[in-house]
Amino acid sequence: MQKNAELSSTNCSVAISKVIKINFMNKEPVKIFRGTYLQCEMVRSLLENAGIESYLKDELLGTIAPWWAEPGGAGAVKLFVNPEDQENATLVVREYENNINS
């Protein structure tokens, strides 16, 4: 039963990745941030406010069983953007991290 759940989650992630590639004009999305679900949602909201399209990966599996999504379970949820938006998205992420750390 557990193996079926892993396959199902993997197939879902692959299907979502294929749809996102179509939206990104068949370019490979770039991982811009990783963290908890709440951290990623906050950054995604900031990116959206900046006019940058993004999507989360492993938001369910990374929350329920983070050690399956990422070794050690740290930063299990990932945030991806279009390669053309990478520079601007990096600035948004840096600003978020600076505000969190200060």
C-alpha atoms as a PDB file:
ATOM      1  CA  MET A   1       0.000   0.000   0.000  1.00  0.00           C
ATOM      2  CA  GLN A   2       2.820   2.382   0.889  1.00  0.00           C
ATOM      3  CA  LYS A   3       4.532   1.758  -2.445  1.00  0.00           C
ATOM      4  CA  ASN A   4       1.329   2.667  -4.327  1.00  0.00           C
ATOM      5  CA  ALA A   5       1.128   5.956  -2.419  1.00  0.00           C
ATOM      6  CA  GLU A   6       4.719   6.782  -3.416  1.00  0.00           C
ATOM      7  CA  LEU A   7       4.051   5.973  -7.066  1.00  0.00           C
ATOM      8  CA  SER A   8       0.853   7.989  -7.042  1.00  0.00           C
ATOM      9  CA  SER A   9       2.604  11.014  -5.544  1.00  0.00           C
ATOM     10  CA  THR A  10       5.464  10.698  -8.026  1.00  0.00           C
ATOM     11  CA  ASN A  11       3.104  10.423 -10.997  1.00  0.00           C
ATOM     12  CA  CYS A  12       1.196  13.482  -9.796  1.00  0.00           C
ATOM     13  CA  SER A  13       4.423  15.507  -9.471  1.00  0.00           C
ATOM     14  CA  VAL A  14       5.527  14.438 -12.949  1.00  0.00           C
ATOM     15  CA  ALA A  15       2.157  15.409 -14.430  1.00  0.00           C
ATOM     16  CA  ILE A  16       2.241  18.799 -12.702  1.00  0.00           C
ATOM     17  CA  SER A  17       5.816  19.378 -13.895  1.00  0.00           C
ATOM     18  CA  LYS A  18       4.765  18.656 -17.485  1.00  0.00           C
ATOM     19  CA  VAL A  19       1.883  21.140 -17.266  1.00  0.00           C
ATOM     20  CA  ILE A  20       4.179  23.784 -15.768  1.00  0.00           C
ATOM     21  CA  LYS A  21       6.723  23.250 -18.570  1.00  0.00           C
ATOM     22  CA  ILE A  22       3.974  23.988 -21.072  1.00  0.00           C
ATOM     23  CA  ASN A  23       3.178  27.205 -19.198  1.00  0.00           C
ATOM     24  CA  PHE A  24       6.890  28.077 -19.159  1.00  0.00           C
ATOM     25  CA  MET A  25       7.138  27.567 -22.936  1.00  0.00           C
ATOM     26  CA  ASN A  26       8.773  24.140 -22.559  1.00  0.00           C
ATOM     27  CA  LYS A  27      11.692  25.521 -20.541  1.00  0.00           C
ATOM     28  CA  GLU A  28      12.859  23.642 -17.477  1.00  0.00           C
ATOM     29  CA  PRO A  29      11.594  25.437 -14.316  1.00  0.00           C
ATOM     30  CA  VAL A  30      14.257  26.680 -11.895  1.00  0.00           C
ATOM     31  CA  LYS A  31      14.187  25.870  -8.180  1.00  0.00           C
ATOM     32  CA  ILE A  32      14.357  29.239  -6.456  1.00  0.00           C
ATOM     33  CA  PHE A  33      13.565  28.401  -2.830  1.00  0.00           C
ATOM     34  CA  ARG A  34      12.991  25.476  -0.494  1.00  0.00           C
ATOM     35  CA  GLY A  35      11.606  25.347   3.001  1.00  0.00           C
ATOM     36  CA  THR A  36       8.465  24.454   4.906  1.00  0.00           C
ATOM     37  CA  TYR A  37       5.065  24.723   3.274  1.00  0.00           C
ATOM     38  CA  LEU A  38       4.324  27.993   5.074  1.00  0.00           C
ATOM     39  CA  GLN A  39       7.673  29.544   4.134  1.00  0.00           C
ATOM     40  CA  CYS A  40       7.196  28.571   0.492  1.00  0.00           C
ATOM     41  CA  GLU A  41       3.649  29.941   0.437  1.00  0.00           C
ATOM     42  CA  MET A  42       4.909  33.248   1.844  1.00  0.00           C
ATOM     43  CA  VAL A  43       7.624  33.500  -0.828  1.00  0.00           C
ATOM     44  CA  ARG A  44       5.154  32.434  -3.522  1.00  0.00           C
ATOM     45  CA  SER A  45       2.835  35.225  -2.427  1.00  0.00           C
ATOM     46  CA  LEU A  46       5.689  37.743  -2.602  1.00  0.00           C
ATOM     47  CA  LEU A  47       6.616  36.491  -6.071  1.00  0.00           C
ATOM     48  CA  GLU A  48       2.997  36.772  -7.194  1.00  0.00           C
ATOM     49  CA  ASN A  49       2.897  40.373  -5.930  1.00  0.00           C
ATOM     50  CA  ALA A  50       6.013  41.027  -8.015  1.00  0.00           C
ATOM     51  CA  GLY A  51       4.277  39.581 -11.093  1.00  0.00           C
ATOM     52  CA  ILE A  52       6.332  36.384 -11.151  1.00  0.00           C
ATOM     53  CA  GLU A  53       4.562  33.079 -11.850  1.00  0.00           C
ATOM     54  CA  SER A  54       5.689  30.224  -9.619  1.00  0.00           C
ATOM     55  CA  TYR A  55       4.570  26.835  -8.329  1.00  0.00           C
ATOM     56  CA  LEU A  56       5.215  24.580  -5.370  1.00  0.00           C
ATOM     57  CA  LYS A  57       6.440  21.021  -5.582  1.00  0.00           C
ATOM     58  CA  ASP A  58       6.098  18.375  -2.866  1.00  0.00           C
ATOM     59  CA  GLU A  59       3.791  20.579  -0.786  1.00  0.00           C
ATOM     60  CA  LEU A  60       1.748  17.594   0.415  1.00  0.00           C
ATOM     61  CA  LEU A  61       4.429  14.960   0.760  1.00  0.00           C
ATOM     62  CA  GLY A  62       6.894  17.531   2.090  1.00  0.00           C
ATOM     63  CA  THR A  63       4.436  18.447   4.846  1.00  0.00           C
ATOM     64  CA  ILE A  64       3.175  14.990   5.790  1.00  0.00           C
ATOM     65  CA  ALA A  65       6.425  13.026   5.411  1.00  0.00           C
ATOM     66  CA  PRO A  66       9.259  15.481   4.667  1.00  0.00           C
ATOM     67  CA  TRP A  67      11.959  12.796   4.948  1.00  0.00           C
ATOM     68  CA  TRP A  68      10.476  11.148   1.813  1.00  0.00           C
ATOM     69  CA  ALA A  69      10.585  14.375  -0.209  1.00  0.00           C
ATOM     70  CA  GLU A  70      14.064  15.506   0.862  1.00  0.00           C
ATOM     71  CA  PRO A  71      16.915  13.727   2.664  1.00  0.00           C
ATOM     72  CA  GLY A  72      16.773  14.697   6.324  1.00  0.00           C
ATOM     73  CA  GLY A  73      13.382  16.333   5.811  1.00  0.00           C
ATOM     74  CA  ALA A  74      14.749  19.903   5.833  1.00  0.00           C
ATOM     75  CA  GLY A  75      13.482  22.141   3.034  1.00  0.00           C
ATOM     76  CA  ALA A  76      11.175  19.460   1.714  1.00  0.00           C
ATOM     77  CA  VAL A  77       8.830  21.826  -0.169  1.00  0.00           C
ATOM     78  CA  LYS A  78      10.308  23.463  -3.273  1.00  0.00           C
ATOM     79  CA  LEU A  79       9.342  26.624  -5.167  1.00  0.00           C
ATOM     80  CA  PHE A  80       9.982  26.857  -8.919  1.00  0.00           C
ATOM     81  CA  VAL A  81       9.903  29.778 -11.372  1.00  0.00           C
ATOM     82  CA  ASN A  82      10.326  30.342 -15.086  1.00  0.00           C
ATOM     83  CA  PRO A  83      14.038  30.619 -16.035  1.00  0.00           C
ATOM     84  CA  GLU A  84      13.343  34.060 -17.507  1.00  0.00           C
ATOM     85  CA  ASP A  85      12.160  35.251 -14.074  1.00  0.00           C
ATOM     86  CA  GLN A  86      15.059  33.748 -12.135  1.00  0.00           C
ATOM     87  CA  GLU A  87      16.975  37.002 -11.611  1.00  0.00           C
ATOM     88  CA  ASN A  88      13.973  38.952 -10.323  1.00  0.00           C
ATOM     89  CA  ALA A  89      12.768  36.004  -8.248  1.00  0.00           C
ATOM     90  CA  THR A  90      16.202  35.712  -6.627  1.00  0.00           C
ATOM     91  CA  LEU A  91      15.943  39.343  -5.516  1.00  0.00           C
ATOM     92  CA  VAL A  92      12.526  38.693  -3.950  1.00  0.00           C
ATOM     93  CA  VAL A  93      13.828  35.596  -2.155  1.00  0.00           C
ATOM     94  CA  ARG A  94      16.906  37.449  -0.860  1.00  0.00           C
ATOM     95  CA  GLU A  95      14.722  40.254   0.471  1.00  0.00           C
ATOM     96  CA  TYR A  96      12.488  37.700   2.215  1.00  0.00           C
ATOM     97  CA  GLU A  97      15.483  35.935   3.775  1.00  0.00           C
ATOM     98  CA  ASN A  98      17.033  39.224   4.897  1.00  0.00           C
ATOM     99  CA  ASN A  99      13.778  40.282   6.576  1.00  0.00           C
ATOM    100  CA  ILE A 100      13.428  36.913   8.311  1.00  0.00           C
ATOM    101  CA  ASN A 101      17.026  36.985   9.593  1.00  0.00           C
ATOM    102  CA  SER A 102      16.975  40.565  10.860  1.00  0.00           C
END
